[in-house]
Amino acid sequence: MKKPLYEDPETMQVMIDLYFDDCVAREAPPTMAGLAYGLGFQSRDALNDYQRKADGSVNEQVYKSLAGTIKKAKLRVELATVERAMKSNGAGPIFMLKNMGYTDKQVVELEAVTINIIGKDTLL
């Protein structure tokens, strides 16, 4: 079985922090692709696969301990995207958020109301 890229969450967290520090230094927004690249993966899919490998892997404990670290890093990217969307009228961050599961549909909930008219109950 292939040796995991990271042996422990602390080492991975150091690399994650370096990636986000680099984004700040370059005044560049963090992205999922950038995070994957900064961590040494060949693609976003490879990072996602790495996160999912906890089930059935020979190195199950290693992957499980890293899954939370990866989720937290992805959440930081999502947070930065949300913040950019809130500050801009641009379609780019909105498009990215839709790919992260956000929607822009309006949900309207209707409820029945009972009104008492001249002593009678009527359902509207």
PDB file of N, CA and C in Angstrom:
ATOM      1  N   MET A   1       0.840  -1.183   0.000  1.00  0.00           N
ATOM      2  CA  MET A   1       0.000   0.000   0.000  1.00  0.00           C
ATOM      3  C   MET A   1       0.882   1.242   0.000  1.00  0.00           C
ATOM      4  N   LYS A   2       0.469   2.236  -0.712  1.00  0.00           N
ATOM      5  CA  LYS A   2       1.203   3.484  -0.847  1.00  0.00           C
ATOM      6  C   LYS A   2       1.274   4.225   0.485  1.00  0.00           C
ATOM      7  N   LYS A   3       2.448   4.759   0.796  1.00  0.00           N
ATOM      8  CA  LYS A   3       2.643   5.522   2.025  1.00  0.00           C
ATOM      9  C   LYS A   3       1.894   6.849   1.920  1.00  0.00           C
ATOM     10  N   PRO A   4       1.198   7.265   2.993  1.00  0.00           N
ATOM     11  CA  PRO A   4       0.476   8.535   2.940  1.00  0.00           C
ATOM     12  C   PRO A   4       1.428   9.722   2.773  1.00  0.00           C
ATOM     13  N   LEU A   5       0.941  10.762   2.132  1.00  0.00           N
ATOM     14  CA  LEU A   5       1.736  11.969   1.906  1.00  0.00           C
ATOM     15  C   LEU A   5       2.086  12.635   3.231  1.00  0.00           C
ATOM     16  N   TYR A   6       1.171  12.589   4.185  1.00  0.00           N
ATOM     17  CA  TYR A   6       1.391  13.166   5.510  1.00  0.00           C
ATOM     18  C   TYR A   6       1.189  12.085   6.559  1.00  0.00           C
ATOM     19  N   GLU A   7       2.048  12.078   7.566  1.00  0.00           N
ATOM     20  CA  GLU A   7       1.986  11.078   8.629  1.00  0.00           C
ATOM     21  C   GLU A   7       1.155  11.543   9.819  1.00  0.00           C
ATOM     22  N   ASP A   8       1.015  12.868   9.981  1.00  0.00           N
ATOM     23  CA  ASP A   8       0.282  13.373  11.129  1.00  0.00           C
ATOM     24  C   ASP A   8      -0.350  14.723  10.796  1.00  0.00           C
ATOM     25  N   PRO A   9      -1.415  15.097  11.521  1.00  0.00           N
ATOM     26  CA  PRO A   9      -2.115  16.345  11.227  1.00  0.00           C
ATOM     27  C   PRO A   9      -1.272  17.595  11.518  1.00  0.00           C
ATOM     28  N   GLU A  10      -0.343  17.491  12.447  1.00  0.00           N
ATOM     29  CA  GLU A  10       0.483  18.662  12.784  1.00  0.00           C
ATOM     30  C   GLU A  10       1.357  19.082  11.606  1.00  0.00           C
ATOM     31  N   THR A  11       1.960  18.113  10.936  1.00  0.00           N
ATOM     32  CA  THR A  11       2.794  18.416   9.772  1.00  0.00           C
ATOM     33  C   THR A  11       1.949  19.013   8.656  1.00  0.00           C
ATOM     34  N   MET A  12       0.780  18.424   8.441  1.00  0.00           N
ATOM     35  CA  MET A  12      -0.115  18.952   7.410  1.00  0.00           C
ATOM     36  C   MET A  12      -0.560  20.369   7.757  1.00  0.00           C
ATOM     37  N   GLN A  13      -0.849  20.633   9.028  1.00  0.00           N
ATOM     38  CA  GLN A  13      -1.302  21.958   9.446  1.00  0.00           C
ATOM     39  C   GLN A  13      -0.231  23.011   9.192  1.00  0.00           C
ATOM     40  N   VAL A  14       1.034  22.651   9.383  1.00  0.00           N
ATOM     41  CA  VAL A  14       2.131  23.577   9.089  1.00  0.00           C
ATOM     42  C   VAL A  14       2.087  23.979   7.615  1.00  0.00           C
ATOM     43  N   MET A  15       1.891  23.006   6.735  1.00  0.00           N
ATOM     44  CA  MET A  15       1.824  23.287   5.296  1.00  0.00           C
ATOM     45  C   MET A  15       0.584  24.115   4.944  1.00  0.00           C
ATOM     46  N   ILE A  16      -0.520  23.830   5.597  1.00  0.00           N
ATOM     47  CA  ILE A  16      -1.744  24.598   5.373  1.00  0.00           C
ATOM     48  C   ILE A  16      -1.530  26.055   5.780  1.00  0.00           C
ATOM     49  N   ASP A  17      -0.929  26.257   6.947  1.00  0.00           N
ATOM     50  CA  ASP A  17      -0.664  27.626   7.418  1.00  0.00           C
ATOM     51  C   ASP A  17       0.273  28.358   6.474  1.00  0.00           C
ATOM     52  N   LEU A  18       1.270  27.658   5.951  1.00  0.00           N
ATOM     53  CA  LEU A  18       2.192  28.272   4.978  1.00  0.00           C
ATOM     54  C   LEU A  18       1.438  28.691   3.717  1.00  0.00           C
ATOM     55  N   TYR A  19       0.500  27.857   3.268  1.00  0.00           N
ATOM     56  CA  TYR A  19      -0.290  28.201   2.083  1.00  0.00           C
ATOM     57  C   TYR A  19      -1.096  29.472   2.323  1.00  0.00           C
ATOM     58  N   PHE A  20      -1.807  29.536   3.452  1.00  0.00           N
ATOM     59  CA  PHE A  20      -2.630  30.716   3.727  1.00  0.00           C
ATOM     60  C   PHE A  20      -1.765  31.962   3.956  1.00  0.00           C
ATOM     61  N   ASP A  21      -0.613  31.812   4.597  1.00  0.00           N
ATOM     62  CA  ASP A  21       0.308  32.939   4.767  1.00  0.00           C
ATOM     63  C   ASP A  21       0.781  33.448   3.409  1.00  0.00           C
ATOM     64  N   ASP A  22       1.061  32.523   2.493  1.00  0.00           N
ATOM     65  CA  ASP A  22       1.486  32.896   1.143  1.00  0.00           C
ATOM     66  C   ASP A  22       0.383  33.664   0.420  1.00  0.00           C
ATOM     67  N   CYS A  23      -0.862  33.233   0.595  1.00  0.00           N
ATOM     68  CA  CYS A  23      -1.995  33.943  -0.023  1.00  0.00           C
ATOM     69  C   CYS A  23      -2.059  35.379   0.471  1.00  0.00           C
ATOM     70  N   VAL A  24      -1.882  35.564   1.770  1.00  0.00           N
ATOM     71  CA  VAL A  24      -1.898  36.916   2.349  1.00  0.00           C
ATOM     72  C   VAL A  24      -0.749  37.744   1.780  1.00  0.00           C
ATOM     73  N   ALA A  25       0.445  37.169   1.731  1.00  0.00           N
ATOM     74  CA  ALA A  25       1.620  37.886   1.230  1.00  0.00           C
ATOM     75  C   ALA A  25       1.456  38.296  -0.232  1.00  0.00           C
ATOM     76  N   ARG A  26       0.831  37.442  -1.031  1.00  0.00           N
ATOM     77  CA  ARG A  26       0.641  37.745  -2.453  1.00  0.00           C
ATOM     78  C   ARG A  26      -0.661  38.492  -2.720  1.00  0.00           C
ATOM     79  N   GLU A  27      -1.443  38.726  -1.642  1.00  0.00           N
ATOM     80  CA  GLU A  27      -2.761  39.346  -1.774  1.00  0.00           C
ATOM     81  C   GLU A  27      -3.624  38.584  -2.774  1.00  0.00           C
ATOM     82  N   ALA A  28      -3.526  37.259  -2.693  1.00  0.00           N
ATOM     83  CA  ALA A  28      -4.277  36.366  -3.575  1.00  0.00           C
ATOM     84  C   ALA A  28      -5.323  35.622  -2.755  1.00  0.00           C
ATOM     85  N   PRO A  29      -6.507  35.439  -3.302  1.00  0.00           N
ATOM     86  CA  PRO A  29      -7.524  34.696  -2.556  1.00  0.00           C
ATOM     87  C   PRO A  29      -7.174  33.211  -2.484  1.00  0.00           C
ATOM     88  N   PRO A  30      -7.423  32.592  -1.340  1.00  0.00           N
ATOM     89  CA  PRO A  30      -7.192  31.150  -1.257  1.00  0.00           C
ATOM     90  C   PRO A  30      -8.231  30.400  -2.088  1.00  0.00           C
ATOM     91  N   THR A  31      -7.811  29.318  -2.689  1.00  0.00           N
ATOM     92  CA  THR A  31      -8.695  28.489  -3.507  1.00  0.00           C
ATOM     93  C   THR A  31      -8.469  27.025  -3.159  1.00  0.00           C
ATOM     94  N   MET A  32      -9.416  26.192  -3.542  1.00  0.00           N
ATOM     95  CA  MET A  32      -9.259  24.751  -3.309  1.00  0.00           C
ATOM     96  C   MET A  32      -8.088  24.206  -4.127  1.00  0.00           C
ATOM     97  N   ALA A  33      -7.967  24.671  -5.365  1.00  0.00           N
ATOM     98  CA  ALA A  33      -6.854  24.221  -6.208  1.00  0.00           C
ATOM     99  C   ALA A  33      -5.519  24.665  -5.606  1.00  0.00           C
ATOM    100  N   GLY A  34      -5.469  25.885  -5.116  1.00  0.00           N
ATOM    101  CA  GLY A  34      -4.247  26.389  -4.487  1.00  0.00           C
ATOM    102  C   GLY A  34      -3.901  25.617  -3.229  1.00  0.00           C
ATOM    103  N   LEU A  35      -4.916  25.284  -2.441  1.00  0.00           N
ATOM    104  CA  LEU A  35      -4.694  24.502  -1.231  1.00  0.00           C
ATOM    105  C   LEU A  35      -4.123  23.131  -1.586  1.00  0.00           C
ATOM    106  N   ALA A  36      -4.730  22.479  -2.563  1.00  0.00           N
ATOM    107  CA  ALA A  36      -4.245  21.158  -2.984  1.00  0.00           C
ATOM    108  C   ALA A  36      -2.800  21.252  -3.472  1.00  0.00           C
ATOM    109  N   TYR A  37      -2.517  22.258  -4.286  1.00  0.00           N
ATOM    110  CA  TYR A  37      -1.160  22.445  -4.809  1.00  0.00           C
ATOM    111  C   TYR A  37      -0.172  22.726  -3.669  1.00  0.00           C
ATOM    112  N   GLY A  38      -0.570  23.615  -2.753  1.00  0.00           N
ATOM    113  CA  GLY A  38       0.296  23.968  -1.631  1.00  0.00           C
ATOM    114  C   GLY A  38       0.610  22.797  -0.719  1.00  0.00           C
ATOM    115  N   LEU A  39      -0.303  21.830  -0.671  1.00  0.00           N
ATOM    116  CA  LEU A  39      -0.085  20.648   0.153  1.00  0.00           C
ATOM    117  C   LEU A  39       0.654  19.535  -0.586  1.00  0.00           C
ATOM    118  N   GLY A  40       0.936  19.754  -1.876  1.00  0.00           N
ATOM    119  CA  GLY A  40       1.710  18.777  -2.633  1.00  0.00           C
ATOM    120  C   GLY A  40       0.892  17.757  -3.395  1.00  0.00           C
ATOM    121  N   PHE A  41      -0.410  17.978  -3.505  1.00  0.00           N
ATOM    122  CA  PHE A  41      -1.254  17.059  -4.262  1.00  0.00           C
ATOM    123  C   PHE A  41      -1.240  17.448  -5.734  1.00  0.00           C
ATOM    124  N   GLN A  42      -1.583  16.487  -6.589  1.00  0.00           N
ATOM    125  CA  GLN A  42      -1.565  16.736  -8.028  1.00  0.00           C
ATOM    126  C   GLN A  42      -2.846  17.368  -8.535  1.00  0.00           C
ATOM    127  N   SER A  43      -3.913  17.359  -7.708  1.00  0.00           N
ATOM    128  CA  SER A  43      -5.188  17.940  -8.122  1.00  0.00           C
ATOM    129  C   SER A  43      -6.093  18.117  -6.910  1.00  0.00           C
ATOM    130  N   ARG A  44      -7.175  18.854  -7.100  1.00  0.00           N
ATOM    131  CA  ARG A  44      -8.182  18.978  -6.043  1.00  0.00           C
ATOM    132  C   ARG A  44      -8.783  17.611  -5.743  1.00  0.00           C
ATOM    133  N   ASP A  45      -9.020  16.832  -6.795  1.00  0.00           N
ATOM    134  CA  ASP A  45      -9.578  15.488  -6.617  1.00  0.00           C
ATOM    135  C   ASP A  45      -8.672  14.619  -5.752  1.00  0.00           C
ATOM    136  N   ALA A  46      -7.364  14.759  -5.928  1.00  0.00           N
ATOM    137  CA  ALA A  46      -6.428  13.970  -5.122  1.00  0.00           C
ATOM    138  C   ALA A  46      -6.550  14.340  -3.641  1.00  0.00           C
ATOM    139  N   LEU A  47      -6.734  15.631  -3.354  1.00  0.00           N
ATOM    140  CA  LEU A  47      -6.933  16.062  -1.968  1.00  0.00           C
ATOM    141  C   LEU A  47      -8.245  15.501  -1.426  1.00  0.00           C
ATOM    142  N   ASN A  48      -9.303  15.565  -2.216  1.00  0.00           N
ATOM    143  CA  ASN A  48     -10.600  15.015  -1.800  1.00  0.00           C
ATOM    144  C   ASN A  48     -10.512  13.513  -1.566  1.00  0.00           C
ATOM    145  N   ASP A  49      -9.821  12.814  -2.454  1.00  0.00           N
ATOM    146  CA  ASP A  49      -9.646  11.366  -2.303  1.00  0.00           C
ATOM    147  C   ASP A  49      -8.866  11.050  -1.024  1.00  0.00           C
ATOM    148  N   TYR A  50      -7.860  11.836  -0.757  1.00  0.00           N
ATOM    149  CA  TYR A  50      -7.036  11.659   0.438  1.00  0.00           C
ATOM    150  C   TYR A  50      -7.904  11.779   1.689  1.00  0.00           C
ATOM    151  N   GLN A  51      -8.822  12.741   1.660  1.00  0.00           N
ATOM    152  CA  GLN A  51      -9.730  12.944   2.792  1.00  0.00           C
ATOM    153  C   GLN A  51     -10.674  11.749   2.960  1.00  0.00           C
ATOM    154  N   ARG A  52     -11.102  11.155   1.854  1.00  0.00           N
ATOM    155  CA  ARG A  52     -12.069  10.050   1.893  1.00  0.00           C
ATOM    156  C   ARG A  52     -11.440   8.689   2.184  1.00  0.00           C
ATOM    157  N   LYS A  53     -10.131   8.576   2.160  1.00  0.00           N
ATOM    158  CA  LYS A  53      -9.470   7.275   2.268  1.00  0.00           C
ATOM    159  C   LYS A  53      -9.569   6.618   3.636  1.00  0.00           C
ATOM    160  N   ALA A  54     -10.190   7.251   4.585  1.00  0.00           N
ATOM    161  CA  ALA A  54     -10.267   6.673   5.931  1.00  0.00           C
ATOM    162  C   ALA A  54     -10.950   5.312   5.926  1.00  0.00           C
ATOM    163  N   ASP A  55     -11.951   5.127   5.095  1.00  0.00           N
ATOM    164  CA  ASP A  55     -12.680   3.871   5.081  1.00  0.00           C
ATOM    165  C   ASP A  55     -11.935   2.802   4.294  1.00  0.00           C
ATOM    166  N   GLY A  56     -11.598   1.728   4.975  1.00  0.00           N
ATOM    167  CA  GLY A  56     -11.017   0.575   4.311  1.00  0.00           C
ATOM    168  C   GLY A  56      -9.545   0.673   3.980  1.00  0.00           C
ATOM    169  N   SER A  57      -8.871   1.690   4.447  1.00  0.00           N
ATOM    170  CA  SER A  57      -7.462   1.850   4.125  1.00  0.00           C
ATOM    171  C   SER A  57      -6.587   1.111   5.138  1.00  0.00           C
ATOM    172  N   VAL A  58      -5.430   0.654   4.667  1.00  0.00           N
ATOM    173  CA  VAL A  58      -4.454   0.044   5.568  1.00  0.00           C
ATOM    174  C   VAL A  58      -3.990   1.094   6.574  1.00  0.00           C
ATOM    175  N   ASN A  59      -3.892   2.323   6.112  1.00  0.00           N
ATOM    176  CA  ASN A  59      -3.443   3.432   6.957  1.00  0.00           C
ATOM    177  C   ASN A  59      -4.638   4.215   7.507  1.00  0.00           C
ATOM    178  N   GLU A  60      -5.690   3.508   7.877  1.00  0.00           N
ATOM    179  CA  GLU A  60      -6.952   4.142   8.269  1.00  0.00           C
ATOM    180  C   GLU A  60      -6.758   5.188   9.362  1.00  0.00           C
ATOM    181  N   GLN A  61      -6.006   4.894  10.393  1.00  0.00           N
ATOM    182  CA  GLN A  61      -5.827   5.847  11.492  1.00  0.00           C
ATOM    183  C   GLN A  61      -5.130   7.120  11.033  1.00  0.00           C
ATOM    184  N   VAL A  62      -4.143   6.993  10.171  1.00  0.00           N
ATOM    185  CA  VAL A  62      -3.442   8.172   9.661  1.00  0.00           C
ATOM    186  C   VAL A  62      -4.403   9.062   8.898  1.00  0.00           C
ATOM    187  N   TYR A  63      -5.172   8.472   7.988  1.00  0.00           N
ATOM    188  CA  TYR A  63      -6.101   9.264   7.182  1.00  0.00           C
ATOM    189  C   TYR A  63      -7.199   9.891   8.036  1.00  0.00           C
ATOM    190  N   LYS A  64      -7.729   9.149   9.011  1.00  0.00           N
ATOM    191  CA  LYS A  64      -8.786   9.696   9.867  1.00  0.00           C
ATOM    192  C   LYS A  64      -8.281  10.897  10.646  1.00  0.00           C
ATOM    193  N   SER A  65      -7.061  10.839  11.133  1.00  0.00           N
ATOM    194  CA  SER A  65      -6.526  11.956  11.903  1.00  0.00           C
ATOM    195  C   SER A  65      -6.299  13.181  11.022  1.00  0.00           C
ATOM    196  N   LEU A  66      -6.102  12.962   9.734  1.00  0.00           N
ATOM    197  CA  LEU A  66      -5.880  14.073   8.804  1.00  0.00           C
ATOM    198  C   LEU A  66      -7.179  14.629   8.238  1.00  0.00           C
ATOM    199  N   ALA A  67      -8.263  13.848   8.249  1.00  0.00           N
ATOM    200  CA  ALA A  67      -9.518  14.268   7.629  1.00  0.00           C
ATOM    201  C   ALA A  67     -10.050  15.555   8.242  1.00  0.00           C
ATOM    202  N   GLY A  68      -9.998  15.674   9.559  1.00  0.00           N
ATOM    203  CA  GLY A  68     -10.463  16.892  10.226  1.00  0.00           C
ATOM    204  C   GLY A  68      -9.618  18.096   9.865  1.00  0.00           C
ATOM    205  N   THR A  69      -8.326  17.893   9.725  1.00  0.00           N
ATOM    206  CA  THR A  69      -7.421  18.981   9.348  1.00  0.00           C
ATOM    207  C   THR A  69      -7.744  19.469   7.937  1.00  0.00           C
ATOM    208  N   ILE A  70      -8.010  18.539   7.026  1.00  0.00           N
ATOM    209  CA  ILE A  70      -8.356  18.902   5.646  1.00  0.00           C
ATOM    210  C   ILE A  70      -9.693  19.634   5.615  1.00  0.00           C
ATOM    211  N   LYS A  71     -10.684  19.137   6.353  1.00  0.00           N
ATOM    212  CA  LYS A  71     -12.005  19.785   6.379  1.00  0.00           C
ATOM    213  C   LYS A  71     -11.900  21.220   6.883  1.00  0.00           C
ATOM    214  N   LYS A  72     -11.103  21.427   7.907  1.00  0.00           N
ATOM    215  CA  LYS A  72     -10.945  22.770   8.473  1.00  0.00           C
ATOM    216  C   LYS A  72     -10.271  23.700   7.467  1.00  0.00           C
ATOM    217  N   ALA A  73      -9.280  23.204   6.742  1.00  0.00           N
ATOM    218  CA  ALA A  73      -8.608  24.020   5.724  1.00  0.00           C
ATOM    219  C   ALA A  73      -9.574  24.376   4.596  1.00  0.00           C
ATOM    220  N   LYS A  74     -10.391  23.410   4.187  1.00  0.00           N
ATOM    221  CA  LYS A  74     -11.385  23.674   3.143  1.00  0.00           C
ATOM    222  C   LYS A  74     -12.396  24.717   3.614  1.00  0.00           C
ATOM    223  N   LEU A  75     -12.741  24.661   4.886  1.00  0.00           N
ATOM    224  CA  LEU A  75     -13.672  25.641   5.440  1.00  0.00           C
ATOM    225  C   LEU A  75     -13.061  27.040   5.415  1.00  0.00           C
ATOM    226  N   ARG A  76     -11.756  27.147   5.644  1.00  0.00           N
ATOM    227  CA  ARG A  76     -11.080  28.455   5.548  1.00  0.00           C
ATOM    228  C   ARG A  76     -11.169  29.005   4.133  1.00  0.00           C
ATOM    229  N   VAL A  77     -11.008  28.138   3.140  1.00  0.00           N
ATOM    230  CA  VAL A  77     -11.133  28.572   1.743  1.00  0.00           C
ATOM    231  C   VAL A  77     -12.572  29.026   1.485  1.00  0.00           C
ATOM    232  N   GLU A  78     -13.526  28.258   1.962  1.00  0.00           N
ATOM    233  CA  GLU A  78     -14.936  28.606   1.778  1.00  0.00           C
ATOM    234  C   GLU A  78     -15.255  29.943   2.444  1.00  0.00           C
ATOM    235  N   LEU A  79     -14.746  30.152   3.649  1.00  0.00           N
ATOM    236  CA  LEU A  79     -14.965  31.408   4.361  1.00  0.00           C
ATOM    237  C   LEU A  79     -14.419  32.586   3.566  1.00  0.00           C
ATOM    238  N   ALA A  80     -13.223  32.447   3.031  1.00  0.00           N
ATOM    239  CA  ALA A  80     -12.632  33.520   2.228  1.00  0.00           C
ATOM    240  C   ALA A  80     -13.476  33.798   0.989  1.00  0.00           C
ATOM    241  N   THR A  81     -14.031  32.747   0.387  1.00  0.00           N
ATOM    242  CA  THR A  81     -14.883  32.909  -0.798  1.00  0.00           C
ATOM    243  C   THR A  81     -16.171  33.632  -0.439  1.00  0.00           C
ATOM    244  N   VAL A  82     -16.768  33.267   0.686  1.00  0.00           N
ATOM    245  CA  VAL A  82     -17.985  33.935   1.146  1.00  0.00           C
ATOM    246  C   VAL A  82     -17.700  35.415   1.397  1.00  0.00           C
ATOM    247  N   GLU A  83     -16.598  35.693   2.056  1.00  0.00           N
ATOM    248  CA  GLU A  83     -16.245  37.087   2.349  1.00  0.00           C
ATOM    249  C   GLU A  83     -16.024  37.884   1.063  1.00  0.00           C
ATOM    250  N   ARG A  84     -15.386  37.274   0.061  1.00  0.00           N
ATOM    251  CA  ARG A  84     -15.192  37.968  -1.225  1.00  0.00           C
ATOM    252  C   ARG A  84     -16.531  38.221  -1.898  1.00  0.00           C
ATOM    253  N   ALA A  85     -17.426  37.237  -1.830  1.00  0.00           N
ATOM    254  CA  ALA A  85     -18.744  37.395  -2.447  1.00  0.00           C
ATOM    255  C   ALA A  85     -19.522  38.524  -1.782  1.00  0.00           C
ATOM    256  N   MET A  86     -19.378  38.653  -0.482  1.00  0.00           N
ATOM    257  CA  MET A  86     -20.093  39.699   0.245  1.00  0.00           C
ATOM    258  C   MET A  86     -19.546  41.091  -0.080  1.00  0.00           C
ATOM    259  N   LYS A  87     -18.282  41.181  -0.442  1.00  0.00           N
ATOM    260  CA  LYS A  87     -17.648  42.470  -0.723  1.00  0.00           C
ATOM    261  C   LYS A  87     -17.768  42.891  -2.179  1.00  0.00           C
ATOM    262  N   SER A  88     -18.135  41.971  -3.057  1.00  0.00           N
ATOM    263  CA  SER A  88     -18.128  42.299  -4.479  1.00  0.00           C
ATOM    264  C   SER A  88     -19.478  42.023  -5.114  1.00  0.00           C
ATOM    265  N   ASN A  89     -19.628  42.565  -6.299  1.00  0.00           N
ATOM    266  CA  ASN A  89     -20.803  42.262  -7.106  1.00  0.00           C
ATOM    267  C   ASN A  89     -20.436  41.295  -8.224  1.00  0.00           C
ATOM    268  N   GLY A  90     -19.214  40.767  -8.156  1.00  0.00           N
ATOM    269  CA  GLY A  90     -18.713  39.893  -9.204  1.00  0.00           C
ATOM    270  C   GLY A  90     -19.356  38.522  -9.189  1.00  0.00           C
ATOM    271  N   ALA A  91     -19.445  37.936 -10.349  1.00  0.00           N
ATOM    272  CA  ALA A  91     -20.061  36.623 -10.483  1.00  0.00           C
ATOM    273  C   ALA A  91     -19.107  35.493 -10.095  1.00  0.00           C
ATOM    274  N   GLY A  92     -17.807  35.744 -10.140  1.00  0.00           N
ATOM    275  CA  GLY A  92     -16.830  34.692  -9.851  1.00  0.00           C
ATOM    276  C   GLY A  92     -17.007  34.049  -8.492  1.00  0.00           C
ATOM    277  N   PRO A  93     -16.966  34.844  -7.397  1.00  0.00           N
ATOM    278  CA  PRO A  93     -17.148  34.232  -6.073  1.00  0.00           C
ATOM    279  C   PRO A  93     -18.521  33.573  -5.918  1.00  0.00           C
ATOM    280  N   ILE A  94     -19.547  34.168  -6.525  1.00  0.00           N
ATOM    281  CA  ILE A  94     -20.890  33.588  -6.443  1.00  0.00           C
ATOM    282  C   ILE A  94     -20.908  32.228  -7.136  1.00  0.00           C
ATOM    283  N   PHE A  95     -20.282  32.135  -8.305  1.00  0.00           N
ATOM    284  CA  PHE A  95     -20.189  30.868  -9.029  1.00  0.00           C
ATOM    285  C   PHE A  95     -19.475  29.820  -8.178  1.00  0.00           C
ATOM    286  N   MET A  96     -18.363  30.217  -7.552  1.00  0.00           N
ATOM    287  CA  MET A  96     -17.611  29.288  -6.713  1.00  0.00           C
ATOM    288  C   MET A  96     -18.451  28.803  -5.535  1.00  0.00           C
ATOM    289  N   LEU A  97     -19.219  29.725  -4.939  1.00  0.00           N
ATOM    290  CA  LEU A  97     -20.048  29.333  -3.802  1.00  0.00           C
ATOM    291  C   LEU A  97     -21.128  28.342  -4.220  1.00  0.00           C
ATOM    292  N   LYS A  98     -21.682  28.526  -5.399  1.00  0.00           N
ATOM    293  CA  LYS A  98     -22.694  27.579  -5.888  1.00  0.00           C
ATOM    294  C   LYS A  98     -22.078  26.196  -6.044  1.00  0.00           C
ATOM    295  N   ASN A  99     -20.818  26.133  -6.462  1.00  0.00           N
ATOM    296  CA  ASN A  99     -20.132  24.851  -6.584  1.00  0.00           C
ATOM    297  C   ASN A  99     -19.791  24.248  -5.222  1.00  0.00           C
ATOM    298  N   MET A 100     -19.855  25.075  -4.175  1.00  0.00           N
ATOM    299  CA  MET A 100     -19.607  24.586  -2.819  1.00  0.00           C
ATOM    300  C   MET A 100     -20.913  24.213  -2.120  1.00  0.00           C
ATOM    301  N   GLY A 101     -22.037  24.296  -2.842  1.00  0.00           N
ATOM    302  CA  GLY A 101     -23.306  23.870  -2.272  1.00  0.00           C
ATOM    303  C   GLY A 101     -24.260  24.988  -1.892  1.00  0.00           C
ATOM    304  N   TYR A 102     -23.828  26.240  -2.028  1.00  0.00           N
ATOM    305  CA  TYR A 102     -24.720  27.357  -1.717  1.00  0.00           C
ATOM    306  C   TYR A 102     -25.731  27.522  -2.853  1.00  0.00           C
ATOM    307  N   THR A 103     -26.890  28.076  -2.522  1.00  0.00           N
ATOM    308  CA  THR A 103     -27.901  28.334  -3.541  1.00  0.00           C
ATOM    309  C   THR A 103     -28.384  29.767  -3.416  1.00  0.00           C
ATOM    310  N   ASP A 104     -28.942  30.280  -4.503  1.00  0.00           N
ATOM    311  CA  ASP A 104     -29.475  31.642  -4.465  1.00  0.00           C
ATOM    312  C   ASP A 104     -30.980  31.644  -4.674  1.00  0.00           C
ATOM    313  N   LYS A 105     -31.588  30.498  -4.449  1.00  0.00           N
ATOM    314  CA  LYS A 105     -33.039  30.437  -4.607  1.00  0.00           C
ATOM    315  C   LYS A 105     -33.710  30.956  -3.336  1.00  0.00           C
ATOM    316  N   GLN A 106     -34.847  31.558  -3.518  1.00  0.00           N
ATOM    317  CA  GLN A 106     -35.616  32.078  -2.401  1.00  0.00           C
ATOM    318  C   GLN A 106     -36.611  31.012  -1.965  1.00  0.00           C
ATOM    319  N   VAL A 107     -36.676  30.759  -0.675  1.00  0.00           N
ATOM    320  CA  VAL A 107     -37.604  29.778  -0.138  1.00  0.00           C
ATOM    321  C   VAL A 107     -38.739  30.536   0.543  1.00  0.00           C
ATOM    322  N   VAL A 108     -39.958  30.269   0.103  1.00  0.00           N
ATOM    323  CA  VAL A 108     -41.132  30.911   0.675  1.00  0.00           C
ATOM    324  C   VAL A 108     -41.963  29.849   1.368  1.00  0.00           C
ATOM    325  N   GLU A 109     -42.245  30.070   2.635  1.00  0.00           N
ATOM    326  CA  GLU A 109     -43.057  29.131   3.389  1.00  0.00           C
ATOM    327  C   GLU A 109     -44.425  29.758   3.628  1.00  0.00           C
ATOM    328  N   LEU A 110     -45.465  29.031   3.301  1.00  0.00           N
ATOM    329  CA  LEU A 110     -46.837  29.476   3.515  1.00  0.00           C
ATOM    330  C   LEU A 110     -47.441  28.676   4.653  1.00  0.00           C
ATOM    331  N   GLU A 111     -48.175  29.354   5.504  1.00  0.00           N
ATOM    332  CA  GLU A 111     -48.823  28.686   6.620  1.00  0.00           C
ATOM    333  C   GLU A 111     -50.311  29.007   6.598  1.00  0.00           C
ATOM    334  N   ALA A 112     -51.118  28.056   7.018  1.00  0.00           N
ATOM    335  CA  ALA A 112     -52.556  28.278   7.138  1.00  0.00           C
ATOM    336  C   ALA A 112     -52.814  29.150   8.356  1.00  0.00           C
ATOM    337  N   VAL A 113     -53.779  30.042   8.236  1.00  0.00           N
ATOM    338  CA  VAL A 113     -54.128  30.953   9.323  1.00  0.00           C
ATOM    339  C   VAL A 113     -55.614  30.789   9.621  1.00  0.00           C
ATOM    340  N   THR A 114     -55.953  30.696  10.883  1.00  0.00           N
ATOM    341  CA  THR A 114     -57.361  30.631  11.284  1.00  0.00           C
ATOM    342  C   THR A 114     -57.795  32.013  11.744  1.00  0.00           C
ATOM    343  N   ILE A 115     -58.887  32.509  11.156  1.00  0.00           N
ATOM    344  CA  ILE A 115     -59.419  33.827  11.508  1.00  0.00           C
ATOM    345  C   ILE A 115     -60.840  33.640  12.035  1.00  0.00           C
ATOM    346  N   ASN A 116     -61.106  34.252  13.132  1.00  0.00           N
ATOM    347  CA  ASN A 116     -62.439  34.172  13.736  1.00  0.00           C
ATOM    348  C   ASN A 116     -63.287  35.326  13.197  1.00  0.00           C
ATOM    349  N   ILE A 117     -64.306  34.996  12.380  1.00  0.00           N
ATOM    350  CA  ILE A 117     -65.199  35.998  11.806  1.00  0.00           C
ATOM    351  C   ILE A 117     -66.596  35.783  12.377  1.00  0.00           C
ATOM    352  N   ILE A 118     -67.101  36.768  13.071  1.00  0.00           N
ATOM    353  CA  ILE A 118     -68.432  36.737  13.670  1.00  0.00           C
ATOM    354  C   ILE A 118     -68.702  35.394  14.352  1.00  0.00           C
ATOM    355  N   GLY A 119     -67.733  34.995  15.164  1.00  0.00           N
ATOM    356  CA  GLY A 119     -67.960  33.804  15.956  1.00  0.00           C
ATOM    357  C   GLY A 119     -67.734  32.485  15.243  1.00  0.00           C
ATOM    358  N   LYS A 120     -67.329  32.483  13.977  1.00  0.00           N
ATOM    359  CA  LYS A 120     -67.095  31.234  13.257  1.00  0.00           C
ATOM    360  C   LYS A 120     -65.594  31.110  12.968  1.00  0.00           C
ATOM    361  N   ASP A 121     -65.102  29.872  13.017  1.00  0.00           N
ATOM    362  CA  ASP A 121     -63.719  29.616  12.643  1.00  0.00           C
ATOM    363  C   ASP A 121     -63.667  29.286  11.165  1.00  0.00           C
ATOM    364  N   THR A 122     -62.797  29.987  10.463  1.00  0.00           N
ATOM    365  CA  THR A 122     -62.656  29.772   9.027  1.00  0.00           C
ATOM    366  C   THR A 122     -61.166  29.576   8.740  1.00  0.00           C
ATOM    367  N   LEU A 123     -60.835  28.585   7.956  1.00  0.00           N
ATOM    368  CA  LEU A 123     -59.465  28.328   7.569  1.00  0.00           C
ATOM    369  C   LEU A 123     -59.188  29.006   6.243  1.00  0.00           C
ATOM    370  N   LEU A 124     -58.205  29.903   6.217  1.00  0.00           N
ATOM    371  CA  LEU A 124     -57.824  30.600   4.977  1.00  0.00           C
ATOM    372  C   LEU A 124     -56.577  29.987   4.421  1.00  0.00           C
TER     373      LEU A 124
END
